[in-house]
Each structure stands twice: as structure tokens, then as C-alpha cells.
Amino acid sequence: MYWIILCNSSRQAAAPRRRMVIFSIGCALLVTLTFNMRGACAFTVPTNRVSTDFMLLPTRRIAIAMSQTSDDETKASVPGAAEVKSKQTHSTSVPTIEKDPDDETTEKVFGAEFFGGNKQKEELFDPVAEDRAAELARQEREAMQLDGGKTSYKRFEDTSCFVDDDASDMARRLQAAINGALYDEDEAVAIYSTSDAFAWTTPFPRAKNSKTPLDELSNALSFYKRTDVAVVGGRTLPASSSSSEEKEMEFRWEISVTWPNFWESRVLLTGTSRVVVDMSSLTIVRQSDKLDGGENVVAAIGSQLNPRFWDLYHIGMTPSAELTPRLKPRSDNKKGLFSGSYELCEVPPRLVVQPTMLDLGGREESIALLVPNHAFCTIIKTTGPKKQRYIPVSPVEVAISRDAEAEVNRVTWSIPIPPEVLAAASSDGELPLPAPDQETSSDRNAMSTYKLQPRRLVATVPFGGNPQDEEVAKVRKDLYDSITKDGLKPKLDDSGRPKFFFWQNDAKACYVADGGLGMAVYEWRPSFVKGNEVGIELER
């Protein structure tokens, strides 16, 4: 029902450096590359020999929705900045462009002809098999409906995301207003007060003529290749005003933008907004934004712009992945001065797809290695005339815990959902649930749902293997000893066991906005680079 691209070709391992050198030459850039094999690729760039696409763009471009600057010089230096871009679409269809076979001027991306690249995909493309897969997926969902099974999850009705009815209703209106600014004007609602008394404070730069955040979102369309914003949570705060006509609420949001550089970096920002709502008109009269991890927007974005080694190494496989943010922990949560090599960070709350099943085969079967069939809601067409645009996210989180009732281990995967998918669900907030997998035994008690993960403090160490490797046990013990030695307290599950997890950085879960999770891509990485991570949750 889903496609997995498993990249384990030996010829890929033969010449990663050669590929990167040719890639940089192909971009006509004089660039010195320093590789961090775990993910990042640092640039030393002679500033007089590189286009502005490679540089960190002006601060006023980095915002919840960046305004189109009125500075003519800056407009000239940023490609496309002066262009007026129409509304975006949630459609995943990729237009087919007819190419002249005799035209030798078409640019080619080096590496695309290798395993996982476009040429390989075209050679393996089978239109009959594709149509059959789509038909099987349709039949499975129809069967689930006939059986009376639940086929969708309504996120605005989930009280773990939206605590009370007022916050839920206001979040629906806010999402509709955002979608009206970015996608469909017919969905727009009047959400912000038109009074001169409207007040808005934000860490993001804003244009002088932008009166509301929606103005900034509209302006952003002229710069970024794509901008998506989703409201993922909300609550009504205790009364802070003597007026019964006003209520203070807090909403959690996620912003994803595709940067207009050659490799199309995906930047994800998360944060909250406190708003005061006039309940008589259901409009926002005051708003204060807060970025997770501090107020330094440039720092939050800068780390996500550099091309990552493995994204470039597998350039023909998928677009750049959207990575879950790792925030600097509070000052009272610090590593010891002489502690081990673990990393300490905070992970913001995120809505995830969470499939789970009993592990009846143990290490011999190693079911934790791959996302299970019953996690997928659709198929994704990566080539052919019906090729689709999709969004890769990483890492995939795997947790193995003890199921007290079944007396065996249970494997749970947590796969973050990109803002574009949440926004595409519109103000209804309806996301598809996968149909049961006919190949999975009922003894495994397989299920899949959506869950809002809370903000977490975690410690991680690099690991060059898979979730159920024998070596993981020793890595967990060493990590536990290190964090307890530093005075950090591990978080325990219901059975009193520490909450360990595994981050598969070599896995990309792929979504389409109009169908949900549809594909998992696994990159080949040599074990010595230790590209994955073993982690443990800590008390905050």
C-alpha cells in the first residue's frame, strides 16, 4: 500500500565527496565545503563570488509573514522580491512540462541518474501497478466505512489540543482567516479588529503598512516559494480583564516556509500568540507573539538554511526535509561540566501520527525499523504523468515500551505532521485515519491515531544503527548513567520505567496535503557516521 525507497547501493558509498564537488561546480559557485556527516554542511563563502540566494537574507525578510520591502535596492538583490504572487493551492499535482529532446540547454542536477533519482524512478514506473495500488487504497477505505469504522480525526474537537469550546471555535476562525490570506479568499473571515486601537507585538520584523498578521502573510507570498501556517492548539486563559465582553486566549502555531534558494531549504518555526478577543464581535483586539526558543528570529532560521549533507547526497530522492525544531533548554537545565557526549534540548509540542503494535518477534523480526503499513492513509505518486508534490519530515521517532496486559513489548512510532497538511484540513480540521492493514495479524493489536506530543526536555546521543540493535541496550544504560550523574531526572512511564526513544534521522516520512501520510523513504548511511540518535525524556 505504500512505497519505501531503501538506499543501500554500494556505489553511493563510493564517492560522496566527488558528488558534492561536482554539485558545487554545477551551481557555478566558489564554495569550500565542510562536511558534518550527521547532517549539516557548513559553507565558507567568498562574499564577492556568490549570489544573494546563498546568503542570509535581510532580517526584515524573516517573519511570521515577511513583508515585501519598499527598498528598491533590496528588491533588486533578491530574485522575485518585486513580483506579485497569486494565492497558493493545496493541490499536490505537479504540472507536466513537455521538453524538447534536442534541447541541450536544460540544466541537469548531478546525482539524479543514480539509485533513487528521477531516471531510476522513471525506469521502474509501472502505470498498471500504480492504478492498482490506488484502487486497493480506495477499496480499503470503502470497506472501513461500511464496517462503521472511524475514517477521520477532527483536530479542533480534540481537547488535548484545544482545551475548551471558546478556544476551539476561535481557532477555527483563525485558521480560516489564515487560509484566506494564503490559499483561498473564499475561506477568509474577519478575525482582526479594524479599529485603530488594535495592538500587535511580535519578534518578527513587519512592514510599516502591515496592520495585522494577515497582511504580513499576504506579503510573504511574493518572496517565499511556499508559506504554510497552522494553528495546532489553544486555550482560554483565566480572567485577566474586568470586562465580560473580552477573553484572553493563547494559541500555538507552526509556520513552514520553503526558502528561495537552490536546494529549497524548508524552515519550520513554532511559537504561541496571546490574544484578547472581543466576544461580541469575535475579533482579536490585541495580539502578542512569542517564538519558541527565544526572540532571535535570525538564529532560529539560520541553522535551517544550510544545505544538509544527506539531503544533497540523495538529491534525486526527495525534496529537503522539514525537521522538528530542537530548542535550547532553560538555564536551569544544563549538562554537567565534565559530562558525556550527550546533547540536551527541548522539543516543542507537535501533532503527530502515532501508529503502534505489539512486538511479537523481538530483535529477529525488528519491526521497529520500518513505519508499519497501518500508518499510511494514501499512496504518493513520485513519477509519471500523475506525479505529486509531497512534504518530507524527519526524524521518525520510535519508542519501545512494555505492554503490561499482553506481557510483551509494544512499538510506537511518532511522525510529526507538517503545517501544510494541517492547514489543508481547513477550519473543519478533518484528517484521514488509515484503514486497517490486511497483512497485519490481529494478535499484534495494531492501531493508529493522532496525538499532540507535549513540550519535552530530552537528552540524546548519536548512534550508528537501528532501533532494535543489541548495542542499543548499552547505549541506553550509558546515557542514563550520564544524565543521573549530572543531576537530571529521567521521566518515567506508567510502569515506572525511563522513557527512552530512538530518532531515525535516516528516515523521511512523506505527506501529501490532500491525503496525509503516504510514503517512507530510508536513506543509506554508513554506521560510522552515527546518523541516528538514542534519547531519553527528562523531567522539566
Protein backbone atom coordinates (compact mmCIF):
# COMPACT_ATOMS: atom_id res chain seq x y z
CA MET A 1 0.00 0.00 0.00
CA TYR A 2 2.97 2.30 0.37
CA TRP A 3 6.35 2.74 -1.23
CA ILE A 4 9.64 2.52 0.59
CA ILE A 5 12.83 3.64 -1.09
CA LEU A 6 15.70 1.85 0.66
CA CYS A 7 19.00 3.35 -0.43
CA ASN A 8 21.76 0.81 0.15
CA SER A 9 23.64 0.92 -3.10
CA SER A 10 27.37 0.39 -2.66
CA ARG A 11 28.23 2.77 -5.46
CA GLN A 12 26.64 5.58 -3.50
CA ALA A 13 29.10 4.99 -0.71
CA ALA A 14 31.99 5.07 -3.14
CA ALA A 15 32.18 8.74 -3.94
CA PRO A 16 30.19 11.13 -1.77
CA ARG A 17 32.91 13.78 -1.87
CA ARG A 18 33.16 13.65 -5.66
CA ARG A 19 29.44 14.18 -5.98
CA MET A 20 29.49 17.17 -3.71
CA VAL A 21 32.35 18.78 -5.61
CA ILE A 22 30.56 18.34 -8.91
CA PHE A 23 27.37 19.64 -7.34
CA SER A 24 29.06 22.82 -6.21
CA ILE A 25 30.68 23.33 -9.60
CA GLY A 26 27.32 22.79 -11.26
CA CYS A 27 25.96 25.68 -9.21
CA ALA A 28 28.74 27.90 -10.60
CA LEU A 29 29.88 28.74 -7.08
CA LEU A 30 33.28 29.01 -5.50
CA VAL A 31 32.48 27.31 -2.21
CA THR A 32 34.53 25.48 0.39
CA LEU A 33 32.50 22.65 1.90
CA THR A 34 32.99 21.31 5.41
CA PHE A 35 31.01 18.14 5.98
CA ASN A 36 29.31 17.18 9.19
CA MET A 37 28.33 13.61 8.40
CA ARG A 38 25.45 13.67 10.89
CA GLY A 39 23.56 16.15 8.80
CA ALA A 40 24.88 19.66 8.31
CA CYS A 41 27.03 21.03 5.54
CA ALA A 42 28.83 24.24 6.51
CA PHE A 43 29.82 26.81 3.91
CA THR A 44 32.82 29.10 3.75
CA VAL A 45 31.78 31.51 1.02
CA PRO A 46 33.75 34.31 -0.59
CA THR A 47 31.11 37.04 -0.46
CA ASN A 48 32.11 38.61 -3.74
CA ARG A 49 31.61 35.36 -5.66
CA VAL A 50 28.20 34.15 -4.60
CA SER A 51 24.64 35.24 -5.31
CA THR A 52 22.37 36.58 -2.60
CA ASP A 53 20.43 33.30 -2.71
CA PHE A 54 23.21 31.70 -0.66
CA MET A 55 23.39 34.41 1.95
CA LEU A 56 21.23 35.02 4.98
CA LEU A 57 18.70 37.44 3.61
CA PRO A 58 17.84 40.76 5.29
CA THR A 59 16.27 40.45 8.71
CA ARG A 60 13.10 42.15 7.54
CA ARG A 61 12.51 39.14 5.28
CA ILE A 62 12.36 36.73 8.21
CA ALA A 63 8.93 36.82 9.83
CA ILE A 64 5.67 35.08 10.56
CA ALA A 65 4.88 36.53 7.19
CA MET A 66 7.60 38.63 5.65
CA SER A 67 6.68 41.90 4.07
CA GLN A 68 7.78 42.89 0.63
CA THR A 69 10.30 45.60 1.36
CA SER A 70 9.94 49.00 -0.22
CA ASP A 71 13.71 49.32 -0.53
CA ASP A 72 14.36 49.25 -4.27
CA GLU A 73 17.96 48.16 -3.80
CA THR A 74 16.95 45.15 -1.72
CA LYS A 75 14.23 44.27 -4.22
CA ALA A 76 16.83 44.20 -6.94
CA SER A 77 19.16 41.96 -4.95
CA VAL A 78 16.54 39.34 -4.09
CA PRO A 79 15.20 37.38 -7.06
CA GLY A 80 11.45 37.60 -7.38
CA ALA A 81 11.05 40.04 -4.48
CA ALA A 82 9.16 42.58 -6.55
CA GLU A 83 6.90 40.02 -8.16
CA VAL A 84 3.27 39.70 -7.12
CA LYS A 85 2.43 36.08 -6.43
CA SER A 86 -1.08 34.69 -6.54
CA LYS A 87 -2.63 32.61 -3.78
CA GLN A 88 -1.23 29.17 -3.10
CA THR A 89 -3.09 25.93 -3.63
CA HIS A 90 -3.35 22.73 -1.62
CA SER A 91 -3.31 20.71 -4.83
CA THR A 92 -0.45 18.19 -4.93
CA SER A 93 -0.47 17.73 -8.71
CA VAL A 94 2.79 18.58 -10.45
CA PRO A 95 2.27 20.11 -13.92
CA THR A 96 3.79 18.06 -16.72
CA ILE A 97 6.21 20.09 -18.83
CA GLU A 98 6.91 18.88 -22.33
CA LYS A 99 10.64 19.02 -23.07
CA ASP A 100 12.36 19.16 -26.42
CA PRO A 101 14.62 16.06 -26.59
CA ASP A 102 17.06 18.01 -28.81
CA ASP A 103 17.29 20.90 -26.35
CA GLU A 104 20.72 20.73 -24.67
CA THR A 105 20.27 23.92 -22.65
CA THR A 106 18.18 22.28 -19.94
CA GLU A 107 20.01 22.23 -16.62
CA LYS A 108 20.60 18.81 -15.08
CA VAL A 109 21.11 18.09 -11.41
CA PHE A 110 24.10 15.85 -10.85
CA GLY A 111 23.17 12.72 -8.95
CA ALA A 112 19.63 12.40 -10.30
CA GLU A 113 20.64 9.49 -12.51
CA PHE A 114 21.74 7.39 -9.54
CA PHE A 115 19.60 4.98 -7.49
CA GLY A 116 16.60 6.84 -6.11
CA GLY A 117 16.94 9.59 -8.70
CA ASN A 118 14.36 10.64 -11.26
CA LYS A 119 15.81 8.50 -14.03
CA GLN A 120 15.70 5.40 -11.85
CA LYS A 121 12.12 6.15 -10.82
CA GLU A 122 11.06 6.54 -14.45
CA GLU A 123 12.64 3.22 -15.38
CA LEU A 124 10.79 1.43 -12.56
CA PHE A 125 7.49 3.24 -13.14
CA ASP A 126 4.58 0.86 -13.81
CA PRO A 127 1.28 2.67 -14.56
CA VAL A 128 -0.73 -0.53 -14.15
CA ALA A 129 0.72 -1.20 -10.69
CA GLU A 130 0.11 2.44 -9.74
CA ASP A 131 -3.55 2.30 -10.73
CA ARG A 132 -3.96 -0.99 -8.88
CA ALA A 133 -2.42 0.48 -5.71
CA ALA A 134 -4.79 3.46 -5.88
CA GLU A 135 -7.78 1.17 -6.37
CA LEU A 136 -6.78 -1.05 -3.43
CA ALA A 137 -6.43 2.01 -1.20
CA ARG A 138 -9.90 3.20 -2.26
CA GLN A 139 -11.44 -0.21 -1.59
CA GLU A 140 -9.88 -0.43 1.87
CA ARG A 141 -11.35 2.93 2.90
CA GLU A 142 -14.76 1.99 1.50
CA ALA A 143 -14.68 -1.28 3.44
CA MET A 144 -13.79 0.61 6.62
CA GLN A 145 -16.76 2.94 6.09
CA LEU A 146 -19.13 0.04 5.50
CA ASP A 147 -17.91 -1.61 8.70
CA GLY A 148 -18.79 1.54 10.60
CA GLY A 149 -15.16 2.32 11.38
CA LYS A 150 -13.95 5.81 12.14
CA THR A 151 -12.38 7.26 8.99
CA SER A 152 -11.25 10.69 10.17
CA TYR A 153 -9.86 12.62 13.12
CA LYS A 154 -11.20 16.12 13.83
CA ARG A 155 -8.38 18.02 15.43
CA PHE A 156 -10.41 21.04 16.60
CA GLU A 157 -12.55 18.65 18.66
CA ASP A 158 -9.53 17.13 20.41
CA THR A 159 -9.43 18.60 23.93
CA SER A 160 -5.75 17.75 24.30
CA CYS A 161 -5.13 20.30 21.52
CA PHE A 162 -7.96 22.78 22.11
CA VAL A 163 -8.83 22.73 25.78
CA ASP A 164 -12.22 24.49 25.74
CA ASP A 165 -15.03 25.26 23.30
CA ASP A 166 -14.33 29.00 23.08
CA ALA A 167 -10.69 28.40 22.16
CA SER A 168 -11.68 25.71 19.66
CA ASP A 169 -14.23 27.95 17.93
CA MET A 170 -11.83 30.87 17.79
CA ALA A 171 -9.04 28.63 16.47
CA ARG A 172 -11.30 27.51 13.62
CA ARG A 173 -11.96 31.12 12.69
CA LEU A 174 -8.28 32.00 12.94
CA GLN A 175 -7.28 29.07 10.70
CA ALA A 176 -9.96 30.08 8.19
CA ALA A 177 -8.62 33.65 8.16
CA ILE A 178 -5.04 32.41 7.65
CA ASN A 179 -6.16 30.14 4.82
CA GLY A 180 -7.97 33.08 3.24
CA ALA A 181 -4.72 35.07 3.21
CA LEU A 182 -2.57 32.23 1.87
CA TYR A 183 -4.78 29.91 -0.17
CA ASP A 184 -8.46 30.62 -0.80
CA GLU A 185 -10.04 34.03 -0.41
CA ASP A 186 -13.48 32.41 -0.25
CA GLU A 187 -12.49 30.89 3.10
CA ALA A 188 -11.48 34.24 4.62
CA VAL A 189 -13.24 35.58 7.70
CA ALA A 190 -12.87 38.91 9.50
CA ILE A 191 -10.80 37.91 12.53
CA TYR A 192 -8.90 41.10 13.44
CA SER A 193 -10.39 44.32 14.70
CA THR A 194 -10.37 47.14 12.15
CA SER A 195 -10.15 49.71 14.93
CA ASP A 196 -7.06 51.89 15.29
CA ALA A 197 -6.86 50.56 18.83
CA PHE A 198 -5.74 47.13 17.56
CA ALA A 199 -2.33 46.35 19.10
CA TRP A 200 0.18 43.78 17.84
CA THR A 201 3.63 42.99 19.23
CA THR A 202 5.84 40.37 17.63
CA PRO A 203 9.52 39.34 17.49
CA PHE A 204 9.19 39.11 13.71
CA PRO A 205 10.01 42.11 11.52
CA ARG A 206 6.99 43.72 9.92
CA ALA A 207 6.28 46.26 7.23
CA LYS A 208 5.12 49.70 8.28
CA ASN A 209 1.94 49.36 6.25
CA SER A 210 1.02 45.96 7.73
CA LYS A 211 -1.80 46.43 10.19
CA THR A 212 -2.42 42.76 11.05
CA PRO A 213 -0.59 39.42 10.77
CA LEU A 214 -2.77 38.58 7.77
CA ASP A 215 -1.25 41.49 5.85
CA GLU A 216 2.20 40.05 6.53
CA LEU A 217 1.11 36.61 5.36
CA SER A 218 -0.16 38.03 2.08
CA ASN A 219 3.12 39.89 1.58
CA ALA A 220 5.09 36.69 2.24
CA LEU A 221 3.73 35.09 -0.92
CA SER A 222 5.90 37.38 -3.05
CA PHE A 223 9.14 36.09 -1.51
CA TYR A 224 8.97 32.51 -0.26
CA LYS A 225 8.40 29.62 -2.63
CA ARG A 226 5.76 28.42 -0.21
CA THR A 227 4.33 29.58 3.11
CA ASP A 228 2.09 27.46 5.33
CA VAL A 229 0.71 28.30 8.78
CA ALA A 230 -1.30 26.03 11.08
CA VAL A 231 -2.97 26.66 14.44
CA VAL A 232 -2.21 23.47 16.41
CA GLY A 233 -3.52 24.22 19.90
CA GLY A 234 -5.37 26.74 22.03
CA ARG A 235 -6.86 27.50 25.43
CA THR A 236 -8.77 30.24 27.20
CA LEU A 237 -6.70 31.84 29.96
CA PRO A 238 -8.02 32.70 33.44
CA ALA A 239 -9.90 36.00 33.54
CA SER A 240 -7.45 38.89 33.38
CA SER A 241 -9.92 41.62 32.49
CA SER A 242 -12.86 43.06 34.37
CA SER A 243 -14.80 43.24 31.09
CA SER A 244 -17.09 40.26 30.48
CA GLU A 245 -17.00 41.02 26.76
CA GLU A 246 -13.29 40.23 26.43
CA LYS A 247 -11.44 36.95 26.88
CA GLU A 248 -7.72 36.25 26.76
CA MET A 249 -6.64 33.17 24.85
CA GLU A 250 -3.38 31.52 23.89
CA PHE A 251 -2.86 29.75 20.57
CA ARG A 252 0.05 27.57 19.46
CA TRP A 253 1.10 27.82 15.82
CA GLU A 254 3.59 26.38 13.36
CA ILE A 255 5.00 28.20 10.34
CA SER A 256 6.70 26.41 7.46
CA VAL A 257 8.36 28.21 4.57
CA THR A 258 10.25 26.95 1.55
CA TRP A 259 13.24 29.23 1.10
CA PRO A 260 14.01 30.54 -2.41
CA ASN A 261 17.49 29.05 -2.66
CA PHE A 262 18.79 26.36 -5.00
CA TRP A 263 18.12 23.42 -2.68
CA GLU A 264 14.82 24.88 -1.41
CA SER A 265 15.50 24.71 2.32
CA ARG A 266 12.46 24.03 4.48
CA VAL A 267 12.29 26.23 7.58
CA LEU A 268 9.96 25.39 10.47
CA LEU A 269 9.20 27.85 13.26
CA THR A 270 6.95 27.21 16.25
CA GLY A 271 5.54 29.52 18.89
CA THR A 272 2.49 30.94 20.63
CA SER A 273 0.29 34.02 20.45
CA ARG A 274 -1.64 35.55 23.31
CA VAL A 275 -4.72 37.35 22.07
CA VAL A 276 -7.53 39.35 23.60
CA VAL A 277 -10.84 38.56 21.90
CA ASP A 278 -13.88 40.81 21.78
CA MET A 279 -16.54 38.12 22.29
CA SER A 280 -19.35 40.32 20.99
CA SER A 281 -17.77 40.57 17.53
CA LEU A 282 -15.43 37.52 17.78
CA THR A 283 -12.48 39.64 16.68
CA ILE A 284 -8.97 39.93 18.05
CA VAL A 285 -8.22 43.36 19.51
CA ARG A 286 -4.72 42.66 20.89
CA GLN A 287 -2.06 40.09 20.00
CA SER A 288 1.40 39.29 21.34
CA ASP A 289 3.57 36.67 19.58
CA LYS A 290 6.31 34.58 21.18
CA LEU A 291 8.80 32.42 19.29
CA ASP A 292 9.80 29.11 20.88
CA GLY A 293 13.43 29.12 21.96
CA GLY A 294 13.84 32.90 22.31
CA GLU A 295 13.25 36.06 20.36
CA ASN A 296 16.19 35.72 17.94
CA VAL A 297 14.43 35.00 14.64
CA VAL A 298 17.65 35.09 12.60
CA ALA A 299 19.25 32.40 14.78
CA ALA A 300 16.13 30.23 14.61
CA ILE A 301 16.13 30.35 10.82
CA GLY A 302 19.86 30.45 10.08
CA SER A 303 20.52 26.91 11.31
CA GLN A 304 17.88 25.55 8.93
CA LEU A 305 19.12 27.27 5.76
CA ASN A 306 22.43 25.48 5.29
CA PRO A 307 22.24 22.51 2.91
CA ARG A 308 22.36 19.26 4.88
CA PHE A 309 24.85 16.68 3.67
CA TRP A 310 22.38 13.82 3.30
CA ASP A 311 19.75 15.94 1.56
CA LEU A 312 22.35 16.81 -1.09
CA TYR A 313 23.82 13.31 -1.21
CA HIS A 314 20.38 11.90 -2.01
CA ILE A 315 19.27 14.91 -4.04
CA GLY A 316 17.41 12.77 -6.57
CA MET A 317 15.30 11.03 -3.94
CA THR A 318 13.20 13.62 -2.12
CA PRO A 319 12.95 17.38 -1.58
CA SER A 320 14.65 18.81 1.52
CA ALA A 321 13.05 17.50 4.70
CA GLU A 322 11.24 19.58 7.30
CA LEU A 323 12.98 18.91 10.60
CA THR A 324 11.44 19.02 14.08
CA PRO A 325 12.96 22.02 15.93
CA ARG A 326 15.46 21.42 18.72
CA LEU A 327 15.36 24.30 21.17
CA LYS A 328 17.94 25.44 23.67
CA PRO A 329 16.88 24.26 27.16
CA ARG A 330 16.19 26.64 30.02
CA SER A 331 19.18 27.83 32.03
CA ASP A 332 18.27 25.60 34.98
CA ASN A 333 18.56 22.51 32.77
CA LYS A 334 22.26 22.16 31.99
CA LYS A 335 24.76 19.41 31.35
CA GLY A 336 27.50 18.79 33.86
CA LEU A 337 30.85 20.42 33.22
CA PHE A 338 32.54 17.06 32.64
CA SER A 339 29.51 15.15 31.38
CA GLY A 340 29.45 12.75 28.47
CA SER A 341 28.77 13.43 24.83
CA TYR A 342 25.00 13.64 25.08
CA GLU A 343 23.06 16.63 23.76
CA LEU A 344 20.35 18.38 25.75
CA CYS A 345 17.45 20.11 24.01
CA GLU A 346 13.76 20.88 24.24
CA VAL A 347 11.26 19.75 21.63
CA PRO A 348 8.15 21.93 21.14
CA PRO A 349 4.65 20.42 21.23
CA ARG A 350 3.76 18.78 17.91
CA LEU A 351 0.78 16.92 16.50
CA VAL A 352 1.95 13.52 15.28
CA VAL A 353 0.64 10.43 13.53
CA GLN A 354 1.13 7.66 16.09
CA PRO A 355 0.83 4.06 14.90
CA THR A 356 1.54 1.29 17.41
CA MET A 357 1.62 -2.51 17.54
CA LEU A 358 2.78 -5.39 19.74
CA ASP A 359 6.27 -6.69 19.09
CA LEU A 360 5.81 -10.46 18.91
CA GLY A 361 9.02 -11.24 17.02
CA GLY A 362 11.62 -9.30 19.00
CA ARG A 363 15.02 -8.42 17.55
CA GLU A 364 14.85 -11.18 14.95
CA GLU A 365 11.88 -9.55 13.27
CA SER A 366 12.92 -5.94 14.03
CA ILE A 367 9.55 -4.38 13.24
CA ALA A 368 10.71 -1.05 14.72
CA LEU A 369 12.97 -0.46 11.73
CA LEU A 370 10.15 0.45 9.32
CA VAL A 371 6.99 2.52 9.63
CA PRO A 372 4.16 -0.07 9.61
CA ASN A 373 1.54 -0.44 6.90
CA HIS A 374 -1.32 0.66 9.12
CA ALA A 375 0.21 4.16 9.49
CA PHE A 376 -0.45 5.15 5.87
CA CYS A 377 -3.61 6.85 4.60
CA THR A 378 -2.81 7.21 0.91
CA ILE A 379 -0.29 6.48 -1.81
CA ILE A 380 2.10 9.05 -3.29
CA LYS A 381 2.91 9.12 -6.98
CA THR A 382 6.51 10.24 -7.36
CA THR A 383 6.81 9.92 -11.12
CA GLY A 384 4.73 9.51 -14.26
CA PRO A 385 2.00 11.79 -15.64
CA LYS A 386 0.21 11.95 -12.27
CA LYS A 387 3.29 12.86 -10.24
CA GLN A 388 2.54 14.56 -6.92
CA ARG A 389 4.23 17.22 -4.80
CA TYR A 390 4.89 15.97 -1.27
CA ILE A 391 6.43 17.11 2.02
CA PRO A 392 9.14 15.02 3.72
CA VAL A 393 9.56 15.31 7.51
CA SER A 394 12.24 13.92 9.79
CA PRO A 395 13.15 12.34 12.15
CA VAL A 396 10.76 9.45 12.73
CA GLU A 397 10.61 8.70 16.46
CA VAL A 398 10.40 5.11 17.70
CA ALA A 399 9.66 4.10 21.31
CA ILE A 400 9.64 0.54 22.69
CA SER A 401 7.77 0.06 25.96
CA ARG A 402 6.37 -2.83 27.96
CA ASP A 403 2.70 -3.70 27.45
CA ALA A 404 1.61 -4.94 30.90
CA GLU A 405 -1.58 -6.59 29.65
CA ALA A 406 -0.02 -8.51 26.76
CA GLU A 407 3.28 -9.05 28.64
CA VAL A 408 5.31 -8.25 25.53
CA ASN A 409 6.91 -5.10 24.16
CA ARG A 410 4.89 -2.52 22.24
CA VAL A 411 6.46 -0.42 19.48
CA THR A 412 5.11 3.10 18.94
CA TRP A 413 6.11 5.42 16.10
CA SER A 414 5.59 9.20 16.31
CA ILE A 415 5.64 11.01 12.97
CA PRO A 416 5.27 14.83 13.00
CA ILE A 417 2.67 16.36 10.70
CA PRO A 418 3.79 19.33 8.56
CA PRO A 419 1.81 22.61 8.84
CA GLU A 420 0.71 22.37 5.20
CA VAL A 421 -1.25 19.19 5.92
CA LEU A 422 -2.90 20.72 8.99
CA ALA A 423 -3.79 23.90 7.09
CA ALA A 424 -5.21 21.88 4.19
CA ALA A 425 -7.72 20.34 6.62
CA SER A 426 -9.23 23.84 6.73
CA SER A 427 -11.43 25.09 9.54
CA ASP A 428 -13.04 21.63 9.76
CA GLY A 429 -9.71 20.21 10.88
CA GLU A 430 -10.57 16.79 9.48
CA LEU A 431 -7.59 14.48 8.92
CA PRO A 432 -7.86 10.97 7.42
CA LEU A 433 -7.36 7.84 9.51
CA PRO A 434 -5.69 4.85 7.85
CA ALA A 435 -7.59 1.70 7.02
CA PRO A 436 -6.59 -1.49 8.88
CA ASP A 437 -3.75 -3.40 7.24
CA GLN A 438 -5.00 -6.77 6.00
CA GLU A 439 -1.50 -8.28 6.22
CA THR A 440 -1.04 -7.49 9.92
CA SER A 441 -2.22 -10.17 12.33
CA SER A 442 -4.95 -9.15 14.77
CA ASP A 443 -2.75 -10.59 17.55
CA ARG A 444 -0.49 -7.58 17.18
CA ASN A 445 -3.25 -5.20 18.32
CA ALA A 446 -2.22 -2.69 15.65
CA MET A 447 -3.78 0.77 15.72
CA SER A 448 -3.04 4.30 14.56
CA THR A 449 -4.20 7.69 15.76
CA TYR A 450 -3.23 11.35 16.06
CA LYS A 451 -1.72 12.73 19.24
CA LEU A 452 -0.39 16.06 20.47
CA GLN A 453 3.02 15.46 21.99
CA PRO A 454 3.73 17.87 24.88
CA ARG A 455 6.82 20.05 25.15
CA ARG A 456 9.68 17.74 26.15
CA LEU A 457 13.16 18.05 27.59
CA VAL A 458 15.34 15.29 26.12
CA ALA A 459 18.93 14.06 26.13
CA THR A 460 20.27 12.24 23.07
CA VAL A 461 23.45 10.52 21.91
CA PRO A 462 24.42 9.64 18.32
CA PHE A 463 24.10 6.02 17.24
CA GLY A 464 25.04 4.28 14.00
CA GLY A 465 22.42 1.58 13.91
CA ASN A 466 18.75 0.66 14.13
CA PRO A 467 16.17 0.83 16.96
CA GLN A 468 16.36 -2.87 17.91
CA ASP A 469 20.10 -3.48 17.59
CA GLU A 470 21.66 -5.28 20.57
CA GLU A 471 24.06 -2.38 21.11
CA VAL A 472 21.15 -0.04 21.94
CA ALA A 473 20.84 -1.53 25.45
CA LYS A 474 24.37 -0.45 26.40
CA VAL A 475 23.91 2.98 24.84
CA ARG A 476 20.73 3.47 26.89
CA LYS A 477 22.50 2.45 30.11
CA ASP A 478 25.43 4.79 29.49
CA LEU A 479 23.04 7.65 28.66
CA TYR A 480 21.00 7.01 31.81
CA ASP A 481 24.16 6.97 33.95
CA SER A 482 25.39 10.22 32.41
CA ILE A 483 22.21 12.22 32.93
CA THR A 484 21.65 11.00 36.50
CA LYS A 485 25.28 11.78 37.34
CA ASP A 486 24.60 15.36 36.18
CA GLY A 487 21.57 15.64 38.45
CA LEU A 488 18.98 15.39 35.68
CA LYS A 489 15.88 13.34 36.45
CA PRO A 490 14.56 10.85 33.87
CA LYS A 491 10.86 10.88 33.10
CA LEU A 492 9.09 7.59 33.88
CA ASP A 493 6.20 5.86 32.12
CA ASP A 494 3.16 4.32 33.81
CA SER A 495 5.13 1.20 34.72
CA GLY A 496 7.93 3.22 36.35
CA ARG A 497 10.44 2.68 33.53
CA PRO A 498 12.51 5.53 32.00
CA LYS A 499 11.03 6.83 28.74
CA PHE A 500 13.67 6.03 26.11
CA PHE A 501 13.18 6.66 22.41
CA PHE A 502 15.04 6.41 19.11
CA TRP A 503 15.30 9.12 16.44
CA GLN A 504 15.62 7.77 12.90
CA ASN A 505 17.33 10.68 11.17
CA ASP A 506 17.88 8.44 8.13
CA ALA A 507 14.11 8.17 7.62
CA LYS A 508 11.84 10.68 5.91
CA ALA A 509 8.08 10.34 6.30
CA CYS A 510 6.30 11.89 3.33
CA TYR A 511 2.88 13.57 3.27
CA VAL A 512 0.58 14.98 0.63
CA ALA A 513 -1.62 17.86 1.74
CA ASP A 514 -4.84 16.32 0.43
CA GLY A 515 -4.24 12.74 1.61
CA GLY A 516 -2.00 12.53 4.65
CA LEU A 517 0.92 10.16 5.24
CA GLY A 518 1.71 8.12 2.15
CA MET A 519 5.36 7.11 1.97
CA ALA A 520 8.52 6.48 3.99
CA VAL A 521 11.97 6.95 2.48
CA TYR A 522 15.03 5.38 4.13
CA GLU A 523 18.46 6.72 3.22
CA TRP A 524 21.60 4.67 3.24
CA ARG A 525 24.11 5.97 5.78
CA PRO A 526 27.31 4.20 6.87
CA SER A 527 27.25 3.20 10.53
CA PHE A 528 30.42 5.11 11.41
CA VAL A 529 28.72 8.48 10.87
CA LYS A 530 26.25 7.67 13.68
CA GLY A 531 23.40 9.40 11.91
CA ASN A 532 20.60 8.25 14.25
CA GLU A 533 20.12 9.00 17.95
CA VAL A 534 19.14 7.23 21.15
CA GLY A 535 17.31 9.51 23.59
CA ILE A 536 15.64 9.73 26.98
CA GLU A 537 12.92 12.08 28.20
CA LEU A 538 13.69 14.18 31.28
CA GLU A 539 11.63 15.94 33.90
CA ARG A 540 11.41 19.66 33.15
